[in-house]
Amino acid sequence: MSDEEHHFDSKGDAGASKTYPQQAGTIRKNGYIVIKGRPCKVVEVSTSKTGKHGHAKCHFVGIDIFTAKKLDDIVPSSHNCDVPHVNRTDYQLIDISEDGFVSLLTENGNTKDDLRLPTDDSLLSQIKEGFEEGKDLVVTVLSAMGEEQICALKDIGPK
């Protein structure tokens, strides 16, 4: 076999998975879990006893971290569930464009221009008002499973 016969598709990421497996029985309230393909924060966990046949079951109720929709799932406690890698990153707000996108400054000095303003009305108005007043604002961006959204705001003083 020669080297020419091997063809590998190059991927954008370094093979890092969007989720990792964790046994259902070890996932607790306030943790994260993937329910119906969506990253969720666990708000309620209840475990049923083993029946005549089989496993104890875990009933998870989670809230989607991006859409705030309530989702639930029932999994045997010995089985693995997908848990999303959830990251929080702070960026300094540089600009807000007319079409609802924000321009953010990353730690290494580059700009990040692919994020929309949040859909949460109170957070949206805080960001717009603070920006119009000329305050130095730092936004916290939550990212999981290839999605990103602004989830919090900090005022670090006037410019």
N, C-alpha and C. Protein backbone atom coordinates (compact mmCIF):
# COMPACT_ATOMS: atom_id res chain seq x y z
N MET A 1 0.84 -1.19 0.00
CA MET A 1 0.00 0.00 0.00
C MET A 1 0.88 1.25 0.00
N SER A 2 0.62 2.12 -0.92
CA SER A 2 1.41 3.34 -0.98
C SER A 2 0.67 4.47 -0.26
N ASP A 3 1.38 5.56 -0.03
CA ASP A 3 0.80 6.69 0.68
C ASP A 3 -0.30 7.38 -0.11
N GLU A 4 -0.24 7.27 -1.45
CA GLU A 4 -1.22 7.98 -2.28
C GLU A 4 -2.63 7.42 -2.11
N GLU A 5 -2.75 6.15 -1.68
CA GLU A 5 -4.07 5.55 -1.56
C GLU A 5 -4.87 6.06 -0.37
N HIS A 6 -4.18 6.67 0.59
CA HIS A 6 -4.87 7.17 1.79
C HIS A 6 -5.30 8.60 1.58
N HIS A 7 -6.58 8.83 1.79
CA HIS A 7 -7.09 10.19 1.69
C HIS A 7 -7.86 10.51 2.97
N PHE A 8 -7.44 11.56 3.65
CA PHE A 8 -8.10 11.96 4.89
C PHE A 8 -8.73 13.32 4.70
N ASP A 9 -10.00 13.44 5.08
CA ASP A 9 -10.65 14.75 5.04
C ASP A 9 -10.16 15.56 6.22
N SER A 10 -9.74 16.77 5.96
CA SER A 10 -9.28 17.61 7.06
C SER A 10 -10.50 18.26 7.73
N LYS A 11 -10.49 18.22 9.02
CA LYS A 11 -11.59 18.80 9.80
C LYS A 11 -11.12 20.13 10.38
N GLY A 12 -12.08 20.99 10.69
CA GLY A 12 -11.76 22.31 11.23
C GLY A 12 -11.21 22.24 12.65
N ASP A 13 -11.78 21.38 13.48
CA ASP A 13 -11.30 21.30 14.86
C ASP A 13 -10.26 20.20 14.99
N ALA A 14 -9.66 20.11 16.14
CA ALA A 14 -8.59 19.14 16.36
C ALA A 14 -9.16 17.82 16.85
N GLY A 15 -10.34 17.47 16.40
CA GLY A 15 -10.95 16.22 16.80
C GLY A 15 -11.59 16.27 18.17
N ALA A 16 -11.69 17.45 18.75
CA ALA A 16 -12.29 17.58 20.07
C ALA A 16 -13.78 17.32 19.97
N SER A 17 -14.28 16.47 20.85
CA SER A 17 -15.69 16.12 20.82
C SER A 17 -16.52 17.22 21.47
N LYS A 18 -17.75 17.36 20.99
CA LYS A 18 -18.65 18.36 21.59
C LYS A 18 -19.23 17.86 22.90
N THR A 19 -19.21 16.55 23.12
CA THR A 19 -19.75 15.97 24.35
C THR A 19 -18.81 14.90 24.88
N TYR A 20 -19.05 14.47 26.11
CA TYR A 20 -18.32 13.34 26.66
C TYR A 20 -19.31 12.45 27.42
N PRO A 21 -19.04 11.14 27.48
CA PRO A 21 -19.99 10.24 28.15
C PRO A 21 -19.85 10.28 29.67
N GLN A 22 -20.97 10.17 30.35
CA GLN A 22 -20.96 10.07 31.81
C GLN A 22 -22.12 9.18 32.22
N GLN A 23 -21.89 8.34 33.21
CA GLN A 23 -22.93 7.41 33.65
C GLN A 23 -24.12 8.19 34.20
N ALA A 24 -25.33 7.79 33.77
CA ALA A 24 -26.54 8.53 34.12
C ALA A 24 -26.73 8.67 35.63
N GLY A 25 -26.38 7.63 36.38
CA GLY A 25 -26.56 7.66 37.82
C GLY A 25 -25.67 8.66 38.54
N THR A 26 -24.61 9.17 37.85
CA THR A 26 -23.69 10.10 38.51
C THR A 26 -23.97 11.56 38.15
N ILE A 27 -24.93 11.81 37.27
CA ILE A 27 -25.25 13.19 36.88
C ILE A 27 -26.19 13.79 37.94
N ARG A 28 -25.82 14.95 38.44
CA ARG A 28 -26.56 15.59 39.53
C ARG A 28 -27.25 16.86 39.08
N LYS A 29 -28.10 17.39 39.96
CA LYS A 29 -28.77 18.67 39.73
C LYS A 29 -27.70 19.75 39.54
N ASN A 30 -27.99 20.72 38.67
CA ASN A 30 -27.09 21.81 38.30
C ASN A 30 -25.92 21.38 37.41
N GLY A 31 -25.88 20.09 37.03
CA GLY A 31 -24.89 19.66 36.05
C GLY A 31 -25.45 19.90 34.65
N TYR A 32 -24.75 19.38 33.66
CA TYR A 32 -25.21 19.53 32.28
C TYR A 32 -25.44 18.16 31.66
N ILE A 33 -26.37 18.09 30.70
CA ILE A 33 -26.69 16.84 30.01
C ILE A 33 -27.25 17.20 28.63
N VAL A 34 -27.07 16.29 27.67
CA VAL A 34 -27.66 16.48 26.35
C VAL A 34 -28.99 15.74 26.32
N ILE A 35 -30.09 16.48 26.12
CA ILE A 35 -31.42 15.88 26.00
C ILE A 35 -31.96 16.23 24.62
N LYS A 36 -32.35 15.19 23.87
CA LYS A 36 -32.88 15.38 22.51
C LYS A 36 -31.96 16.25 21.65
N GLY A 37 -30.64 16.03 21.79
CA GLY A 37 -29.67 16.74 20.98
C GLY A 37 -29.39 18.17 21.38
N ARG A 38 -29.92 18.61 22.55
CA ARG A 38 -29.73 20.00 23.00
C ARG A 38 -28.96 20.01 24.32
N PRO A 39 -28.00 20.95 24.50
CA PRO A 39 -27.30 21.06 25.78
C PRO A 39 -28.23 21.66 26.84
N CYS A 40 -28.37 20.97 27.98
CA CYS A 40 -29.31 21.41 29.02
C CYS A 40 -28.63 21.46 30.37
N LYS A 41 -29.12 22.37 31.23
CA LYS A 41 -28.71 22.39 32.63
C LYS A 41 -29.75 21.58 33.39
N VAL A 42 -29.30 20.63 34.19
CA VAL A 42 -30.21 19.74 34.92
C VAL A 42 -30.84 20.51 36.08
N VAL A 43 -32.19 20.54 36.13
CA VAL A 43 -32.88 21.22 37.23
C VAL A 43 -33.54 20.24 38.17
N GLU A 44 -33.72 18.99 37.72
CA GLU A 44 -34.36 17.99 38.57
C GLU A 44 -33.90 16.60 38.15
N VAL A 45 -33.55 15.78 39.14
CA VAL A 45 -33.19 14.38 38.89
C VAL A 45 -33.98 13.52 39.86
N SER A 46 -34.67 12.51 39.33
CA SER A 46 -35.30 11.55 40.23
C SER A 46 -34.95 10.15 39.74
N THR A 47 -34.71 9.26 40.69
CA THR A 47 -34.30 7.90 40.35
C THR A 47 -35.38 6.93 40.82
N SER A 48 -35.80 6.05 39.90
CA SER A 48 -36.78 5.03 40.28
C SER A 48 -36.04 3.76 40.69
N LYS A 49 -36.68 2.96 41.51
CA LYS A 49 -36.08 1.70 41.96
C LYS A 49 -36.07 0.68 40.83
N THR A 50 -35.21 -0.31 40.96
CA THR A 50 -35.19 -1.38 39.97
C THR A 50 -36.50 -2.13 40.04
N GLY A 51 -37.01 -2.47 38.88
CA GLY A 51 -38.26 -3.23 38.83
C GLY A 51 -37.97 -4.72 38.85
N LYS A 52 -38.99 -5.51 38.55
CA LYS A 52 -38.85 -6.96 38.50
C LYS A 52 -37.82 -7.34 37.43
N HIS A 53 -37.85 -6.61 36.31
CA HIS A 53 -36.90 -6.85 35.23
C HIS A 53 -36.08 -5.60 35.05
N GLY A 54 -34.81 -5.63 35.41
CA GLY A 54 -33.96 -4.58 34.88
C GLY A 54 -33.47 -3.51 35.81
N HIS A 55 -33.25 -2.36 35.18
CA HIS A 55 -32.43 -1.30 35.75
C HIS A 55 -33.23 -0.27 36.53
N ALA A 56 -32.51 0.43 37.44
CA ALA A 56 -33.06 1.65 38.00
C ALA A 56 -33.02 2.70 36.90
N LYS A 57 -33.99 3.57 36.90
CA LYS A 57 -34.04 4.59 35.85
C LYS A 57 -33.87 5.98 36.45
N CYS A 58 -33.21 6.86 35.70
CA CYS A 58 -33.05 8.25 36.12
C CYS A 58 -33.93 9.11 35.22
N HIS A 59 -34.74 9.96 35.85
CA HIS A 59 -35.58 10.89 35.10
C HIS A 59 -34.95 12.27 35.23
N PHE A 60 -34.49 12.82 34.11
CA PHE A 60 -33.85 14.13 34.10
C PHE A 60 -34.81 15.18 33.55
N VAL A 61 -34.88 16.33 34.24
CA VAL A 61 -35.57 17.49 33.70
C VAL A 61 -34.50 18.55 33.54
N GLY A 62 -34.36 19.05 32.31
CA GLY A 62 -33.32 20.03 32.04
C GLY A 62 -33.88 21.22 31.29
N ILE A 63 -33.17 22.34 31.40
CA ILE A 63 -33.55 23.55 30.67
C ILE A 63 -32.45 23.85 29.67
N ASP A 64 -32.84 23.94 28.38
CA ASP A 64 -31.90 24.22 27.30
C ASP A 64 -31.13 25.51 27.63
N ILE A 65 -29.79 25.45 27.60
CA ILE A 65 -29.01 26.62 28.03
C ILE A 65 -29.06 27.76 27.02
N PHE A 66 -29.54 27.50 25.80
CA PHE A 66 -29.63 28.57 24.80
C PHE A 66 -31.05 29.06 24.58
N THR A 67 -32.03 28.15 24.57
CA THR A 67 -33.41 28.56 24.27
C THR A 67 -34.30 28.63 25.51
N ALA A 68 -33.82 28.14 26.66
CA ALA A 68 -34.56 28.11 27.93
C ALA A 68 -35.81 27.23 27.86
N LYS A 69 -35.88 26.31 26.89
CA LYS A 69 -37.01 25.37 26.82
C LYS A 69 -36.76 24.23 27.80
N LYS A 70 -37.86 23.72 28.39
CA LYS A 70 -37.78 22.61 29.34
C LYS A 70 -37.84 21.29 28.57
N LEU A 71 -36.88 20.40 28.82
CA LEU A 71 -36.84 19.10 28.18
C LEU A 71 -36.66 18.03 29.24
N ASP A 72 -37.18 16.81 28.98
CA ASP A 72 -36.94 15.75 29.95
C ASP A 72 -36.59 14.45 29.24
N ASP A 73 -35.94 13.55 30.01
CA ASP A 73 -35.46 12.30 29.44
C ASP A 73 -35.41 11.26 30.56
N ILE A 74 -35.65 10.00 30.21
CA ILE A 74 -35.53 8.90 31.17
C ILE A 74 -34.48 7.93 30.64
N VAL A 75 -33.46 7.66 31.47
CA VAL A 75 -32.33 6.83 31.06
C VAL A 75 -32.06 5.81 32.16
N PRO A 76 -31.75 4.54 31.79
CA PRO A 76 -31.31 3.59 32.82
C PRO A 76 -30.05 4.12 33.52
N SER A 77 -30.01 4.02 34.85
CA SER A 77 -28.93 4.66 35.60
C SER A 77 -27.55 4.09 35.29
N SER A 78 -27.49 2.86 34.77
CA SER A 78 -26.19 2.27 34.47
C SER A 78 -25.69 2.66 33.08
N HIS A 79 -26.55 3.27 32.26
CA HIS A 79 -26.16 3.66 30.90
C HIS A 79 -25.44 5.00 30.90
N ASN A 80 -24.71 5.25 29.81
CA ASN A 80 -24.02 6.52 29.67
C ASN A 80 -24.91 7.56 28.99
N CYS A 81 -24.77 8.80 29.44
CA CYS A 81 -25.44 9.94 28.80
C CYS A 81 -24.37 10.84 28.22
N ASP A 82 -24.75 11.63 27.21
CA ASP A 82 -23.83 12.63 26.69
C ASP A 82 -23.90 13.87 27.57
N VAL A 83 -22.73 14.40 27.91
CA VAL A 83 -22.64 15.62 28.68
C VAL A 83 -21.88 16.64 27.82
N PRO A 84 -22.45 17.82 27.59
CA PRO A 84 -21.78 18.79 26.71
C PRO A 84 -20.59 19.46 27.41
N HIS A 85 -19.58 19.79 26.62
CA HIS A 85 -18.49 20.64 27.12
C HIS A 85 -19.03 22.06 27.10
N VAL A 86 -19.22 22.66 28.28
CA VAL A 86 -19.77 24.02 28.36
C VAL A 86 -18.65 24.96 28.80
N ASN A 87 -18.42 26.00 28.01
CA ASN A 87 -17.37 26.97 28.34
C ASN A 87 -17.96 28.36 28.48
N ARG A 88 -17.39 29.11 29.41
CA ARG A 88 -17.76 30.52 29.57
C ARG A 88 -16.51 31.34 29.28
N THR A 89 -16.66 32.35 28.43
CA THR A 89 -15.53 33.20 28.08
C THR A 89 -15.97 34.65 28.15
N ASP A 90 -15.11 35.50 28.71
CA ASP A 90 -15.41 36.93 28.80
C ASP A 90 -14.75 37.66 27.64
N TYR A 91 -15.51 38.56 27.01
CA TYR A 91 -14.98 39.40 25.94
C TYR A 91 -15.38 40.84 26.20
N GLN A 92 -14.54 41.77 25.78
CA GLN A 92 -14.89 43.18 25.90
C GLN A 92 -15.70 43.59 24.68
N LEU A 93 -16.79 44.32 24.93
CA LEU A 93 -17.67 44.78 23.85
C LEU A 93 -17.06 46.00 23.18
N ILE A 94 -16.90 45.93 21.85
CA ILE A 94 -16.34 47.05 21.09
C ILE A 94 -17.45 47.83 20.40
N ASP A 95 -18.36 47.11 19.73
CA ASP A 95 -19.34 47.78 18.89
C ASP A 95 -20.60 46.93 18.75
N ILE A 96 -21.73 47.60 18.48
CA ILE A 96 -22.98 46.92 18.15
C ILE A 96 -23.39 47.40 16.77
N SER A 97 -23.57 46.49 15.83
CA SER A 97 -23.96 46.88 14.47
C SER A 97 -25.48 47.01 14.38
N GLU A 98 -25.96 47.65 13.29
CA GLU A 98 -27.40 47.86 13.11
C GLU A 98 -28.16 46.55 12.93
N ASP A 99 -27.49 45.54 12.37
CA ASP A 99 -28.19 44.28 12.10
C ASP A 99 -28.19 43.31 13.29
N GLY A 100 -27.82 43.80 14.48
CA GLY A 100 -27.95 42.99 15.68
C GLY A 100 -26.75 42.13 16.03
N PHE A 101 -25.62 42.35 15.35
CA PHE A 101 -24.41 41.61 15.69
C PHE A 101 -23.53 42.47 16.58
N VAL A 102 -22.74 41.81 17.44
CA VAL A 102 -21.82 42.55 18.31
C VAL A 102 -20.39 42.29 17.84
N SER A 103 -19.54 43.26 18.10
CA SER A 103 -18.11 43.13 17.83
C SER A 103 -17.41 43.05 19.17
N LEU A 104 -16.69 41.95 19.39
CA LEU A 104 -16.08 41.70 20.69
C LEU A 104 -14.56 41.61 20.55
N LEU A 105 -13.86 42.01 21.62
CA LEU A 105 -12.40 41.94 21.65
C LEU A 105 -11.99 40.70 22.43
N THR A 106 -11.20 39.81 21.80
CA THR A 106 -10.75 38.60 22.49
C THR A 106 -9.51 38.92 23.31
N GLU A 107 -9.08 37.94 24.13
CA GLU A 107 -7.92 38.16 24.99
C GLU A 107 -6.63 38.41 24.21
N ASN A 108 -6.52 37.77 23.02
CA ASN A 108 -5.29 37.94 22.25
C ASN A 108 -5.34 39.14 21.31
N GLY A 109 -6.36 39.99 21.44
CA GLY A 109 -6.41 41.24 20.69
C GLY A 109 -7.15 41.16 19.36
N ASN A 110 -7.66 39.99 19.00
CA ASN A 110 -8.43 39.87 17.77
C ASN A 110 -9.89 40.26 18.03
N THR A 111 -10.64 40.46 16.95
CA THR A 111 -12.07 40.76 17.13
C THR A 111 -12.89 39.54 16.76
N LYS A 112 -14.03 39.42 17.41
CA LYS A 112 -14.97 38.32 17.16
C LYS A 112 -16.27 38.98 16.75
N ASP A 113 -16.69 38.75 15.49
CA ASP A 113 -17.84 39.48 14.95
C ASP A 113 -19.01 38.59 14.57
N ASP A 114 -19.04 37.33 15.03
CA ASP A 114 -20.07 36.40 14.56
C ASP A 114 -21.17 36.13 15.58
N LEU A 115 -21.26 36.97 16.61
CA LEU A 115 -22.28 36.75 17.65
C LEU A 115 -23.41 37.77 17.55
N ARG A 116 -24.63 37.29 17.69
CA ARG A 116 -25.79 38.18 17.72
C ARG A 116 -26.01 38.70 19.14
N LEU A 117 -26.78 39.78 19.24
CA LEU A 117 -27.22 40.26 20.55
C LEU A 117 -28.13 39.20 21.18
N PRO A 118 -28.16 39.10 22.50
CA PRO A 118 -29.01 38.07 23.14
C PRO A 118 -30.49 38.34 22.93
N THR A 119 -31.28 37.28 23.02
CA THR A 119 -32.74 37.41 22.84
C THR A 119 -33.43 37.80 24.14
N ASP A 120 -32.74 37.63 25.27
CA ASP A 120 -33.29 37.99 26.57
C ASP A 120 -33.45 39.52 26.66
N ASP A 121 -34.70 39.99 26.84
CA ASP A 121 -34.98 41.42 26.74
C ASP A 121 -34.24 42.27 27.77
N SER A 122 -34.18 41.81 29.03
CA SER A 122 -33.53 42.63 30.06
C SER A 122 -32.03 42.74 29.81
N LEU A 123 -31.40 41.64 29.41
CA LEU A 123 -29.97 41.65 29.10
C LEU A 123 -29.70 42.51 27.87
N LEU A 124 -30.58 42.39 26.88
CA LEU A 124 -30.45 43.17 25.64
C LEU A 124 -30.49 44.67 25.93
N SER A 125 -31.47 45.10 26.74
CA SER A 125 -31.59 46.53 27.04
C SER A 125 -30.40 47.01 27.89
N GLN A 126 -29.91 46.18 28.81
CA GLN A 126 -28.74 46.56 29.62
C GLN A 126 -27.52 46.78 28.73
N ILE A 127 -27.31 45.87 27.76
CA ILE A 127 -26.16 45.99 26.86
C ILE A 127 -26.28 47.25 26.01
N LYS A 128 -27.47 47.48 25.42
CA LYS A 128 -27.64 48.66 24.56
C LYS A 128 -27.49 49.96 25.34
N GLU A 129 -28.12 50.04 26.53
CA GLU A 129 -28.04 51.26 27.33
C GLU A 129 -26.62 51.54 27.78
N GLY A 130 -25.96 50.49 28.28
CA GLY A 130 -24.57 50.65 28.73
C GLY A 130 -23.65 51.07 27.61
N PHE A 131 -23.87 50.50 26.42
CA PHE A 131 -23.02 50.84 25.27
C PHE A 131 -23.25 52.29 24.84
N GLU A 132 -24.53 52.73 24.83
CA GLU A 132 -24.85 54.11 24.44
C GLU A 132 -24.30 55.12 25.44
N GLU A 133 -24.21 54.73 26.71
CA GLU A 133 -23.65 55.63 27.73
C GLU A 133 -22.13 55.65 27.70
N GLY A 134 -21.53 54.82 26.84
CA GLY A 134 -20.07 54.82 26.70
C GLY A 134 -19.35 54.05 27.78
N LYS A 135 -20.03 53.14 28.46
CA LYS A 135 -19.39 52.34 29.51
C LYS A 135 -18.53 51.25 28.88
N ASP A 136 -17.51 50.84 29.63
CA ASP A 136 -16.70 49.69 29.21
C ASP A 136 -17.43 48.43 29.66
N LEU A 137 -17.94 47.64 28.72
CA LEU A 137 -18.73 46.47 29.07
C LEU A 137 -17.99 45.19 28.71
N VAL A 138 -18.08 44.21 29.61
CA VAL A 138 -17.54 42.88 29.34
C VAL A 138 -18.72 41.92 29.31
N VAL A 139 -18.87 41.18 28.21
CA VAL A 139 -19.96 40.22 28.10
C VAL A 139 -19.40 38.81 28.30
N THR A 140 -20.20 37.96 28.94
CA THR A 140 -19.83 36.57 29.13
C THR A 140 -20.54 35.74 28.08
N VAL A 141 -19.76 34.97 27.32
CA VAL A 141 -20.31 34.16 26.24
C VAL A 141 -20.27 32.69 26.66
N LEU A 142 -21.44 32.06 26.60
CA LEU A 142 -21.58 30.64 26.92
C LEU A 142 -21.49 29.87 25.61
N SER A 143 -20.62 28.86 25.56
CA SER A 143 -20.53 28.07 24.33
C SER A 143 -20.61 26.59 24.65
N ALA A 144 -21.39 25.86 23.85
CA ALA A 144 -21.53 24.42 23.99
C ALA A 144 -22.01 23.84 22.68
N MET A 145 -21.45 22.71 22.27
CA MET A 145 -21.89 21.97 21.10
C MET A 145 -21.97 22.83 19.84
N GLY A 146 -21.00 23.70 19.65
CA GLY A 146 -20.93 24.51 18.44
C GLY A 146 -21.84 25.73 18.43
N GLU A 147 -22.53 26.00 19.54
CA GLU A 147 -23.39 27.18 19.62
C GLU A 147 -22.80 28.14 20.64
N GLU A 148 -23.02 29.43 20.42
CA GLU A 148 -22.55 30.44 21.36
C GLU A 148 -23.65 31.47 21.58
N GLN A 149 -23.69 32.01 22.80
CA GLN A 149 -24.69 33.03 23.11
C GLN A 149 -24.19 33.88 24.27
N ILE A 150 -24.48 35.17 24.22
CA ILE A 150 -24.14 36.06 25.34
C ILE A 150 -25.09 35.76 26.49
N CYS A 151 -24.55 35.51 27.68
CA CYS A 151 -25.42 35.13 28.79
C CYS A 151 -25.32 36.08 29.99
N ALA A 152 -24.29 36.95 30.01
CA ALA A 152 -24.15 37.83 31.17
C ALA A 152 -23.37 39.08 30.74
N LEU A 153 -23.43 40.09 31.61
CA LEU A 153 -22.83 41.38 31.31
C LEU A 153 -22.18 41.93 32.58
N LYS A 154 -20.97 42.49 32.42
CA LYS A 154 -20.30 43.15 33.55
C LYS A 154 -19.88 44.53 33.11
N ASP A 155 -20.05 45.48 33.99
CA ASP A 155 -19.63 46.87 33.72
C ASP A 155 -18.29 47.05 34.40
N ILE A 156 -17.25 47.38 33.63
CA ILE A 156 -15.92 47.56 34.25
C ILE A 156 -15.56 49.04 34.32
N GLY A 157 -16.56 49.91 34.26
CA GLY A 157 -16.32 51.34 34.43
C GLY A 157 -16.41 52.12 33.13
N PRO A 158 -16.28 53.47 33.22
CA PRO A 158 -16.36 54.30 32.01
C PRO A 158 -15.12 54.14 31.14
N LYS A 159 -15.27 54.46 29.85
CA LYS A 159 -14.12 54.34 28.92
C LYS A 159 -13.07 55.39 29.23
